[in-house]
Amino acid sequence: MSFREWTRQHESLWQFILFNILSNISTITRFVCTWLGTAIFIGAMGMTAPFRFLIFNYTAPNSNGLGGFVTFLIAETFAQVVNYFVQMKLVFKSDASARESAWKYAVLAVIIVVVNLILPGYVTDFCTATFGMDAGLAGTVASFVNTLLAVVVSFPLLKFWIAPAK
């Protein structure tokens, strides 16, 4: 059996594999934007005044204040835009119109970003209090939980709601 035949016969599995591999394009975008934002907003412009807005809290001494928030916001926005096109065109090869799919993806992205901001504090606290993990290992576990949750939620929503098959 050829690889092409295998991918046709196991379309959902192949999409899941591509989904996970190609999501790294948005991760790279996020890192590059974070590095640039840090250099510009924190390094060059010195935007380090403490910042708090709704659930966003950049008031801790090493949080980089307003510059950290602006950097995060820009990096996450660019990463989500890149991920939208990668998933729609390369993974699911969707023909859904942008008008139909973009707002759905935006809802998903906002939910994931908010959960990714809230959940790590609880997971980190649980890991350190319950298992005695140090902050580094507990943070790694929290990142793993965030990633796993994002995949478990994102893949089916993209496949069946946002970018359904032709």
N, C-alpha and C. Protein backbone atom coordinates (compact mmCIF):
# COMPACT_ATOMS: atom_id res chain seq x y z
N MET A 1 0.84 -1.17 0.00
CA MET A 1 0.00 0.00 0.00
C MET A 1 0.89 1.24 0.00
N SER A 2 0.58 2.19 -0.88
CA SER A 2 1.36 3.41 -0.96
C SER A 2 0.98 4.36 0.18
N PHE A 3 1.86 5.31 0.42
CA PHE A 3 1.61 6.30 1.45
C PHE A 3 0.34 7.10 1.13
N ARG A 4 0.16 7.45 -0.12
CA ARG A 4 -1.03 8.19 -0.55
C ARG A 4 -2.30 7.39 -0.25
N GLU A 5 -2.27 6.10 -0.54
CA GLU A 5 -3.43 5.25 -0.25
C GLU A 5 -3.68 5.19 1.25
N TRP A 6 -2.59 5.02 2.01
CA TRP A 6 -2.73 4.94 3.46
C TRP A 6 -3.38 6.21 4.02
N THR A 7 -2.92 7.38 3.54
CA THR A 7 -3.49 8.63 4.05
C THR A 7 -4.95 8.78 3.66
N ARG A 8 -5.35 8.26 2.51
CA ARG A 8 -6.77 8.29 2.12
C ARG A 8 -7.60 7.35 2.98
N GLN A 9 -7.06 6.18 3.25
CA GLN A 9 -7.80 5.20 4.05
C GLN A 9 -7.87 5.58 5.53
N HIS A 10 -6.90 6.34 5.98
CA HIS A 10 -6.84 6.76 7.39
C HIS A 10 -6.86 8.29 7.47
N GLU A 11 -7.81 8.88 6.79
CA GLU A 11 -7.84 10.34 6.65
C GLU A 11 -7.84 11.06 8.00
N SER A 12 -8.68 10.64 8.93
CA SER A 12 -8.75 11.32 10.22
C SER A 12 -7.45 11.20 11.00
N LEU A 13 -6.85 10.02 10.99
CA LEU A 13 -5.57 9.84 11.68
C LEU A 13 -4.50 10.71 11.04
N TRP A 14 -4.45 10.75 9.72
CA TRP A 14 -3.48 11.57 9.01
C TRP A 14 -3.71 13.05 9.31
N GLN A 15 -4.96 13.48 9.36
CA GLN A 15 -5.26 14.87 9.72
C GLN A 15 -4.78 15.17 11.14
N PHE A 16 -4.99 14.23 12.04
CA PHE A 16 -4.55 14.44 13.43
C PHE A 16 -3.02 14.57 13.50
N ILE A 17 -2.32 13.75 12.74
CA ILE A 17 -0.86 13.84 12.70
C ILE A 17 -0.43 15.18 12.12
N LEU A 18 -1.01 15.57 10.99
CA LEU A 18 -0.69 16.87 10.39
C LEU A 18 -1.04 18.03 11.31
N PHE A 19 -2.20 17.93 11.95
CA PHE A 19 -2.64 18.96 12.90
C PHE A 19 -1.56 19.21 13.94
N ASN A 20 -1.02 18.15 14.51
CA ASN A 20 -0.01 18.29 15.56
C ASN A 20 1.33 18.76 15.02
N ILE A 21 1.73 18.26 13.87
CA ILE A 21 3.01 18.68 13.29
C ILE A 21 2.95 20.13 12.83
N LEU A 22 1.92 20.47 12.07
CA LEU A 22 1.84 21.80 11.48
C LEU A 22 1.46 22.89 12.49
N SER A 23 0.96 22.49 13.65
CA SER A 23 0.71 23.48 14.70
C SER A 23 2.01 24.15 15.15
N ASN A 24 3.12 23.48 14.87
CA ASN A 24 4.41 24.06 15.23
C ASN A 24 4.72 25.32 14.43
N ILE A 25 4.09 25.51 13.29
CA ILE A 25 4.28 26.74 12.52
C ILE A 25 3.77 27.92 13.34
N SER A 26 2.62 27.76 13.98
CA SER A 26 2.11 28.86 14.81
C SER A 26 2.96 29.01 16.08
N THR A 27 3.51 27.92 16.58
CA THR A 27 4.38 28.00 17.76
C THR A 27 5.63 28.81 17.41
N ILE A 28 6.21 28.55 16.26
CA ILE A 28 7.39 29.31 15.82
C ILE A 28 7.02 30.78 15.64
N THR A 29 5.86 31.04 15.05
CA THR A 29 5.39 32.42 14.89
C THR A 29 5.28 33.10 16.26
N ARG A 30 4.71 32.38 17.24
CA ARG A 30 4.55 32.93 18.59
C ARG A 30 5.91 33.26 19.19
N PHE A 31 6.89 32.35 19.06
CA PHE A 31 8.22 32.61 19.61
C PHE A 31 8.87 33.82 18.96
N VAL A 32 8.84 33.89 17.63
CA VAL A 32 9.46 35.00 16.92
C VAL A 32 8.82 36.33 17.34
N CYS A 33 7.50 36.36 17.37
CA CYS A 33 6.80 37.59 17.78
C CYS A 33 7.12 37.95 19.24
N THR A 34 7.25 36.94 20.09
CA THR A 34 7.59 37.20 21.50
C THR A 34 8.99 37.78 21.60
N TRP A 35 9.94 37.22 20.86
CA TRP A 35 11.30 37.73 20.90
C TRP A 35 11.35 39.17 20.38
N LEU A 36 10.67 39.42 19.26
CA LEU A 36 10.64 40.77 18.70
C LEU A 36 9.94 41.75 19.63
N GLY A 37 8.79 41.33 20.15
CA GLY A 37 8.03 42.19 21.07
C GLY A 37 8.81 42.52 22.32
N THR A 38 9.52 41.53 22.85
CA THR A 38 10.33 41.77 24.05
C THR A 38 11.43 42.78 23.74
N ALA A 39 12.08 42.61 22.59
CA ALA A 39 13.14 43.55 22.21
C ALA A 39 12.60 44.96 22.02
N ILE A 40 11.42 45.07 21.39
CA ILE A 40 10.88 46.39 21.08
C ILE A 40 10.19 47.03 22.28
N PHE A 41 9.17 46.35 22.84
CA PHE A 41 8.33 46.97 23.87
C PHE A 41 8.98 47.01 25.25
N ILE A 42 9.81 46.03 25.55
CA ILE A 42 10.42 45.99 26.88
C ILE A 42 11.83 46.55 26.83
N GLY A 43 12.63 46.05 25.87
CA GLY A 43 14.01 46.51 25.77
C GLY A 43 14.14 47.94 25.28
N ALA A 44 13.66 48.22 24.09
CA ALA A 44 13.84 49.54 23.47
C ALA A 44 12.92 50.61 24.06
N MET A 45 11.65 50.27 24.27
CA MET A 45 10.68 51.27 24.72
C MET A 45 10.51 51.30 26.24
N GLY A 46 10.98 50.28 26.93
CA GLY A 46 10.91 50.26 28.40
C GLY A 46 9.50 50.25 28.96
N MET A 47 8.57 49.62 28.28
CA MET A 47 7.16 49.59 28.73
C MET A 47 6.98 48.52 29.82
N THR A 48 7.55 48.77 30.99
CA THR A 48 7.54 47.77 32.05
C THR A 48 6.68 48.14 33.25
N ALA A 49 5.87 49.18 33.12
CA ALA A 49 4.99 49.58 34.22
C ALA A 49 4.00 48.44 34.50
N PRO A 50 3.72 48.14 35.77
CA PRO A 50 2.77 47.09 36.10
C PRO A 50 1.44 47.31 35.38
N PHE A 51 0.82 46.21 34.96
CA PHE A 51 -0.41 46.29 34.17
C PHE A 51 -1.38 45.21 34.63
N ARG A 52 -2.63 45.61 34.83
CA ARG A 52 -3.69 44.66 35.19
C ARG A 52 -4.95 45.06 34.45
N PHE A 53 -5.59 44.08 33.80
CA PHE A 53 -6.85 44.30 33.09
C PHE A 53 -7.64 43.00 33.08
N LEU A 54 -8.82 43.02 33.63
CA LEU A 54 -9.68 41.84 33.74
C LEU A 54 -8.90 40.66 34.31
N ILE A 55 -8.72 39.58 33.54
CA ILE A 55 -8.00 38.40 34.03
C ILE A 55 -6.50 38.49 33.80
N PHE A 56 -6.04 39.51 33.12
CA PHE A 56 -4.63 39.65 32.80
C PHE A 56 -3.93 40.40 33.93
N ASN A 57 -2.90 39.77 34.48
CA ASN A 57 -2.20 40.37 35.62
C ASN A 57 -0.70 40.34 35.35
N TYR A 58 -0.19 41.50 34.99
CA TYR A 58 1.23 41.65 34.72
C TYR A 58 1.82 42.65 35.73
N THR A 59 1.56 42.36 37.02
CA THR A 59 2.02 43.27 38.08
C THR A 59 3.19 42.70 38.87
N ALA A 60 3.49 41.43 38.72
CA ALA A 60 4.62 40.83 39.44
C ALA A 60 5.93 41.47 38.95
N PRO A 61 6.93 41.52 39.81
CA PRO A 61 8.19 42.19 39.45
C PRO A 61 8.83 41.72 38.14
N ASN A 62 8.72 40.44 37.81
CA ASN A 62 9.36 39.92 36.59
C ASN A 62 8.37 39.65 35.46
N SER A 63 7.21 40.27 35.50
CA SER A 63 6.18 40.02 34.48
C SER A 63 6.34 40.89 33.24
N ASN A 64 7.22 41.88 33.30
CA ASN A 64 7.48 42.83 32.22
C ASN A 64 6.33 43.80 31.98
N GLY A 65 5.36 43.85 32.89
CA GLY A 65 4.31 44.87 32.87
C GLY A 65 3.57 44.99 31.56
N LEU A 66 3.26 46.23 31.19
CA LEU A 66 2.50 46.52 29.99
C LEU A 66 3.18 45.98 28.74
N GLY A 67 4.51 46.06 28.69
CA GLY A 67 5.25 45.52 27.55
C GLY A 67 5.07 44.02 27.41
N GLY A 68 5.03 43.31 28.53
CA GLY A 68 4.79 41.87 28.51
C GLY A 68 3.40 41.54 27.98
N PHE A 69 2.41 42.32 28.41
CA PHE A 69 1.04 42.11 27.94
C PHE A 69 0.92 42.39 26.45
N VAL A 70 1.46 43.51 25.99
CA VAL A 70 1.39 43.86 24.57
C VAL A 70 2.11 42.81 23.74
N THR A 71 3.26 42.37 24.20
CA THR A 71 4.02 41.32 23.50
C THR A 71 3.19 40.05 23.40
N PHE A 72 2.61 39.61 24.52
CA PHE A 72 1.77 38.41 24.52
C PHE A 72 0.60 38.57 23.57
N LEU A 73 -0.06 39.69 23.62
CA LEU A 73 -1.24 39.91 22.78
C LEU A 73 -0.90 39.86 21.30
N ILE A 74 0.15 40.52 20.90
CA ILE A 74 0.57 40.52 19.49
C ILE A 74 1.03 39.12 19.07
N ALA A 75 1.85 38.48 19.90
CA ALA A 75 2.36 37.15 19.56
C ALA A 75 1.22 36.14 19.42
N GLU A 76 0.29 36.17 20.35
CA GLU A 76 -0.83 35.22 20.31
C GLU A 76 -1.74 35.50 19.12
N THR A 77 -1.98 36.76 18.81
CA THR A 77 -2.82 37.11 17.67
C THR A 77 -2.21 36.61 16.36
N PHE A 78 -0.94 36.91 16.16
CA PHE A 78 -0.27 36.45 14.94
C PHE A 78 -0.25 34.92 14.87
N ALA A 79 0.05 34.26 15.99
CA ALA A 79 0.10 32.80 16.01
C ALA A 79 -1.26 32.20 15.66
N GLN A 80 -2.34 32.78 16.17
CA GLN A 80 -3.67 32.24 15.89
C GLN A 80 -4.07 32.48 14.43
N VAL A 81 -3.70 33.62 13.87
CA VAL A 81 -4.01 33.89 12.46
C VAL A 81 -3.26 32.88 11.57
N VAL A 82 -1.99 32.69 11.86
CA VAL A 82 -1.20 31.71 11.09
C VAL A 82 -1.81 30.32 11.24
N ASN A 83 -2.15 29.94 12.47
CA ASN A 83 -2.71 28.61 12.71
C ASN A 83 -4.04 28.41 11.99
N TYR A 84 -4.86 29.44 11.93
CA TYR A 84 -6.14 29.35 11.22
C TYR A 84 -5.91 28.93 9.76
N PHE A 85 -5.01 29.63 9.07
CA PHE A 85 -4.76 29.32 7.66
C PHE A 85 -4.09 27.96 7.48
N VAL A 86 -3.15 27.63 8.36
CA VAL A 86 -2.48 26.33 8.28
C VAL A 86 -3.49 25.20 8.45
N GLN A 87 -4.33 25.29 9.46
CA GLN A 87 -5.30 24.21 9.72
C GLN A 87 -6.35 24.15 8.61
N MET A 88 -6.86 25.28 8.19
CA MET A 88 -7.92 25.30 7.17
C MET A 88 -7.41 24.78 5.83
N LYS A 89 -6.25 25.24 5.41
CA LYS A 89 -5.78 24.94 4.05
C LYS A 89 -4.89 23.70 3.96
N LEU A 90 -4.01 23.49 4.94
CA LEU A 90 -3.05 22.39 4.84
C LEU A 90 -3.51 21.11 5.52
N VAL A 91 -4.19 21.24 6.65
CA VAL A 91 -4.60 20.04 7.38
C VAL A 91 -5.95 19.53 6.90
N PHE A 92 -6.96 20.39 6.97
CA PHE A 92 -8.33 19.95 6.66
C PHE A 92 -8.74 20.23 5.22
N LYS A 93 -7.91 21.00 4.51
CA LYS A 93 -8.20 21.34 3.10
C LYS A 93 -9.67 21.76 2.94
N SER A 94 -10.07 22.62 3.85
CA SER A 94 -11.47 23.03 3.91
C SER A 94 -11.80 24.05 2.83
N ASP A 95 -13.02 23.94 2.33
CA ASP A 95 -13.50 24.94 1.38
C ASP A 95 -14.54 25.85 2.04
N ALA A 96 -14.63 25.77 3.37
CA ALA A 96 -15.55 26.65 4.11
C ALA A 96 -15.11 28.10 3.89
N SER A 97 -16.07 28.98 3.74
CA SER A 97 -15.74 30.39 3.51
C SER A 97 -15.17 31.00 4.79
N ALA A 98 -14.35 32.01 4.61
CA ALA A 98 -13.79 32.71 5.76
C ALA A 98 -14.91 33.33 6.58
N ARG A 99 -15.95 33.77 5.92
CA ARG A 99 -17.10 34.36 6.61
C ARG A 99 -17.75 33.34 7.55
N GLU A 100 -17.80 32.09 7.12
CA GLU A 100 -18.41 31.02 7.93
C GLU A 100 -17.46 30.50 9.01
N SER A 101 -16.17 30.46 8.72
CA SER A 101 -15.25 29.78 9.62
C SER A 101 -14.43 30.70 10.53
N ALA A 102 -14.12 31.90 10.08
CA ALA A 102 -13.22 32.77 10.86
C ALA A 102 -13.79 33.13 12.22
N TRP A 103 -15.06 33.46 12.30
CA TRP A 103 -15.63 33.82 13.60
C TRP A 103 -15.65 32.61 14.53
N LYS A 104 -15.88 31.42 13.99
CA LYS A 104 -15.87 30.20 14.81
C LYS A 104 -14.46 29.95 15.35
N TYR A 105 -13.47 30.14 14.48
CA TYR A 105 -12.09 29.95 14.91
C TYR A 105 -11.71 30.99 15.96
N ALA A 106 -12.18 32.22 15.79
CA ALA A 106 -11.90 33.28 16.77
C ALA A 106 -12.46 32.91 18.14
N VAL A 107 -13.66 32.35 18.18
CA VAL A 107 -14.26 31.91 19.44
C VAL A 107 -13.37 30.84 20.08
N LEU A 108 -12.99 29.85 19.27
CA LEU A 108 -12.12 28.78 19.77
C LEU A 108 -10.80 29.35 20.29
N ALA A 109 -10.19 30.24 19.54
CA ALA A 109 -8.90 30.82 19.94
C ALA A 109 -9.01 31.58 21.25
N VAL A 110 -10.07 32.36 21.41
CA VAL A 110 -10.26 33.12 22.66
C VAL A 110 -10.43 32.16 23.83
N ILE A 111 -11.21 31.11 23.66
CA ILE A 111 -11.40 30.13 24.73
C ILE A 111 -10.07 29.49 25.12
N ILE A 112 -9.30 29.09 24.12
CA ILE A 112 -8.02 28.44 24.39
C ILE A 112 -7.06 29.40 25.09
N VAL A 113 -6.99 30.64 24.64
CA VAL A 113 -6.09 31.62 25.25
C VAL A 113 -6.49 31.86 26.71
N VAL A 114 -7.77 32.04 26.96
CA VAL A 114 -8.23 32.30 28.32
C VAL A 114 -7.93 31.09 29.23
N VAL A 115 -8.25 29.90 28.76
CA VAL A 115 -7.96 28.70 29.55
C VAL A 115 -6.46 28.57 29.79
N ASN A 116 -5.65 28.85 28.76
CA ASN A 116 -4.20 28.77 28.89
C ASN A 116 -3.64 29.81 29.86
N LEU A 117 -4.39 30.85 30.12
CA LEU A 117 -3.96 31.85 31.10
C LEU A 117 -4.37 31.47 32.51
N ILE A 118 -5.52 30.84 32.64
CA ILE A 118 -6.08 30.55 33.96
C ILE A 118 -5.58 29.22 34.53
N LEU A 119 -5.59 28.16 33.73
CA LEU A 119 -5.31 26.81 34.20
C LEU A 119 -3.91 26.59 34.79
N PRO A 120 -2.85 27.14 34.22
CA PRO A 120 -1.51 26.84 34.73
C PRO A 120 -1.32 27.15 36.22
N GLY A 121 -1.91 28.21 36.70
CA GLY A 121 -1.77 28.53 38.13
C GLY A 121 -2.30 27.42 39.01
N TYR A 122 -3.45 26.87 38.64
CA TYR A 122 -4.05 25.79 39.42
C TYR A 122 -3.26 24.50 39.30
N VAL A 123 -2.83 24.17 38.08
CA VAL A 123 -2.07 22.93 37.87
C VAL A 123 -0.72 23.01 38.59
N THR A 124 -0.06 24.15 38.48
CA THR A 124 1.23 24.34 39.15
C THR A 124 1.08 24.21 40.66
N ASP A 125 0.07 24.86 41.20
CA ASP A 125 -0.18 24.78 42.64
C ASP A 125 -0.47 23.34 43.06
N PHE A 126 -1.30 22.63 42.31
CA PHE A 126 -1.64 21.24 42.60
C PHE A 126 -0.38 20.36 42.60
N CYS A 127 0.46 20.55 41.59
CA CYS A 127 1.67 19.72 41.46
C CYS A 127 2.66 19.99 42.60
N THR A 128 2.81 21.25 42.98
CA THR A 128 3.77 21.56 44.05
C THR A 128 3.21 21.14 45.41
N ALA A 129 1.92 21.39 45.65
CA ALA A 129 1.33 21.06 46.95
C ALA A 129 1.12 19.56 47.13
N THR A 130 0.68 18.88 46.09
CA THR A 130 0.34 17.46 46.20
C THR A 130 1.54 16.55 46.00
N PHE A 131 2.39 16.86 45.03
CA PHE A 131 3.49 15.97 44.69
C PHE A 131 4.87 16.53 45.06
N GLY A 132 4.92 17.74 45.61
CA GLY A 132 6.18 18.33 46.03
C GLY A 132 7.12 18.68 44.89
N MET A 133 6.56 18.89 43.68
CA MET A 133 7.39 19.24 42.53
C MET A 133 7.97 20.64 42.70
N ASP A 134 9.16 20.85 42.13
CA ASP A 134 9.69 22.21 42.12
C ASP A 134 8.96 23.02 41.05
N ALA A 135 9.16 24.33 41.05
CA ALA A 135 8.42 25.22 40.16
C ALA A 135 8.66 24.90 38.68
N GLY A 136 9.89 24.53 38.34
CA GLY A 136 10.20 24.22 36.94
C GLY A 136 9.45 23.01 36.43
N LEU A 137 9.46 21.93 37.20
CA LEU A 137 8.75 20.71 36.79
C LEU A 137 7.24 20.93 36.80
N ALA A 138 6.74 21.63 37.82
CA ALA A 138 5.31 21.91 37.89
C ALA A 138 4.87 22.78 36.71
N GLY A 139 5.69 23.74 36.30
CA GLY A 139 5.38 24.57 35.14
C GLY A 139 5.38 23.75 33.85
N THR A 140 6.29 22.79 33.76
CA THR A 140 6.33 21.91 32.60
C THR A 140 5.07 21.05 32.54
N VAL A 141 4.65 20.51 33.67
CA VAL A 141 3.41 19.73 33.72
C VAL A 141 2.22 20.60 33.32
N ALA A 142 2.18 21.84 33.81
CA ALA A 142 1.09 22.76 33.48
C ALA A 142 1.07 23.05 31.97
N SER A 143 2.23 23.22 31.37
CA SER A 143 2.30 23.45 29.93
C SER A 143 1.83 22.23 29.16
N PHE A 144 2.20 21.05 29.64
CA PHE A 144 1.75 19.82 29.00
C PHE A 144 0.22 19.69 29.07
N VAL A 145 -0.33 19.98 30.24
CA VAL A 145 -1.79 19.91 30.42
C VAL A 145 -2.48 20.91 29.49
N ASN A 146 -1.96 22.13 29.40
CA ASN A 146 -2.53 23.13 28.49
C ASN A 146 -2.51 22.65 27.05
N THR A 147 -1.38 22.11 26.63
CA THR A 147 -1.24 21.64 25.25
C THR A 147 -2.19 20.49 24.98
N LEU A 148 -2.22 19.52 25.88
CA LEU A 148 -3.11 18.36 25.71
C LEU A 148 -4.57 18.80 25.63
N LEU A 149 -4.96 19.69 26.52
CA LEU A 149 -6.34 20.18 26.51
C LEU A 149 -6.66 20.93 25.21
N ALA A 150 -5.72 21.74 24.74
CA ALA A 150 -5.94 22.48 23.50
C ALA A 150 -6.11 21.53 22.31
N VAL A 151 -5.31 20.46 22.27
CA VAL A 151 -5.44 19.49 21.18
C VAL A 151 -6.77 18.75 21.26
N VAL A 152 -7.12 18.30 22.45
CA VAL A 152 -8.36 17.53 22.64
C VAL A 152 -9.59 18.37 22.27
N VAL A 153 -9.54 19.65 22.54
CA VAL A 153 -10.67 20.54 22.22
C VAL A 153 -10.61 21.01 20.77
N SER A 154 -9.43 21.43 20.33
CA SER A 154 -9.29 22.06 19.00
C SER A 154 -9.52 21.12 17.84
N PHE A 155 -8.91 19.95 17.88
CA PHE A 155 -8.98 19.07 16.72
C PHE A 155 -10.42 18.74 16.32
N PRO A 156 -11.25 18.22 17.23
CA PRO A 156 -12.62 17.90 16.80
C PRO A 156 -13.42 19.14 16.40
N LEU A 157 -13.22 20.26 17.09
CA LEU A 157 -13.96 21.47 16.71
C LEU A 157 -13.54 21.96 15.32
N LEU A 158 -12.26 21.91 15.03
CA LEU A 158 -11.80 22.29 13.69
C LEU A 158 -12.33 21.32 12.64
N LYS A 159 -12.22 20.04 12.91
CA LYS A 159 -12.60 19.02 11.92
C LYS A 159 -14.10 19.04 11.61
N PHE A 160 -14.93 19.18 12.62
CA PHE A 160 -16.37 19.01 12.42
C PHE A 160 -17.19 20.30 12.44
N TRP A 161 -16.66 21.38 13.02
CA TRP A 161 -17.45 22.61 13.13
C TRP A 161 -16.86 23.76 12.33
N ILE A 162 -15.58 23.98 12.46
CA ILE A 162 -14.95 25.15 11.83
C ILE A 162 -14.54 24.87 10.39
N ALA A 163 -13.93 23.72 10.14
CA ALA A 163 -13.41 23.38 8.81
C ALA A 163 -13.94 22.03 8.35
N PRO A 164 -15.25 21.87 8.26
CA PRO A 164 -15.78 20.55 7.90
C PRO A 164 -15.35 20.15 6.49
N ALA A 165 -15.39 18.83 6.27
CA ALA A 165 -15.00 18.28 4.97
C ALA A 165 -15.86 18.85 3.86
N LYS A 166 -15.29 18.83 2.67
CA LYS A 166 -16.00 19.34 1.49
C LYS A 166 -17.26 18.56 1.24
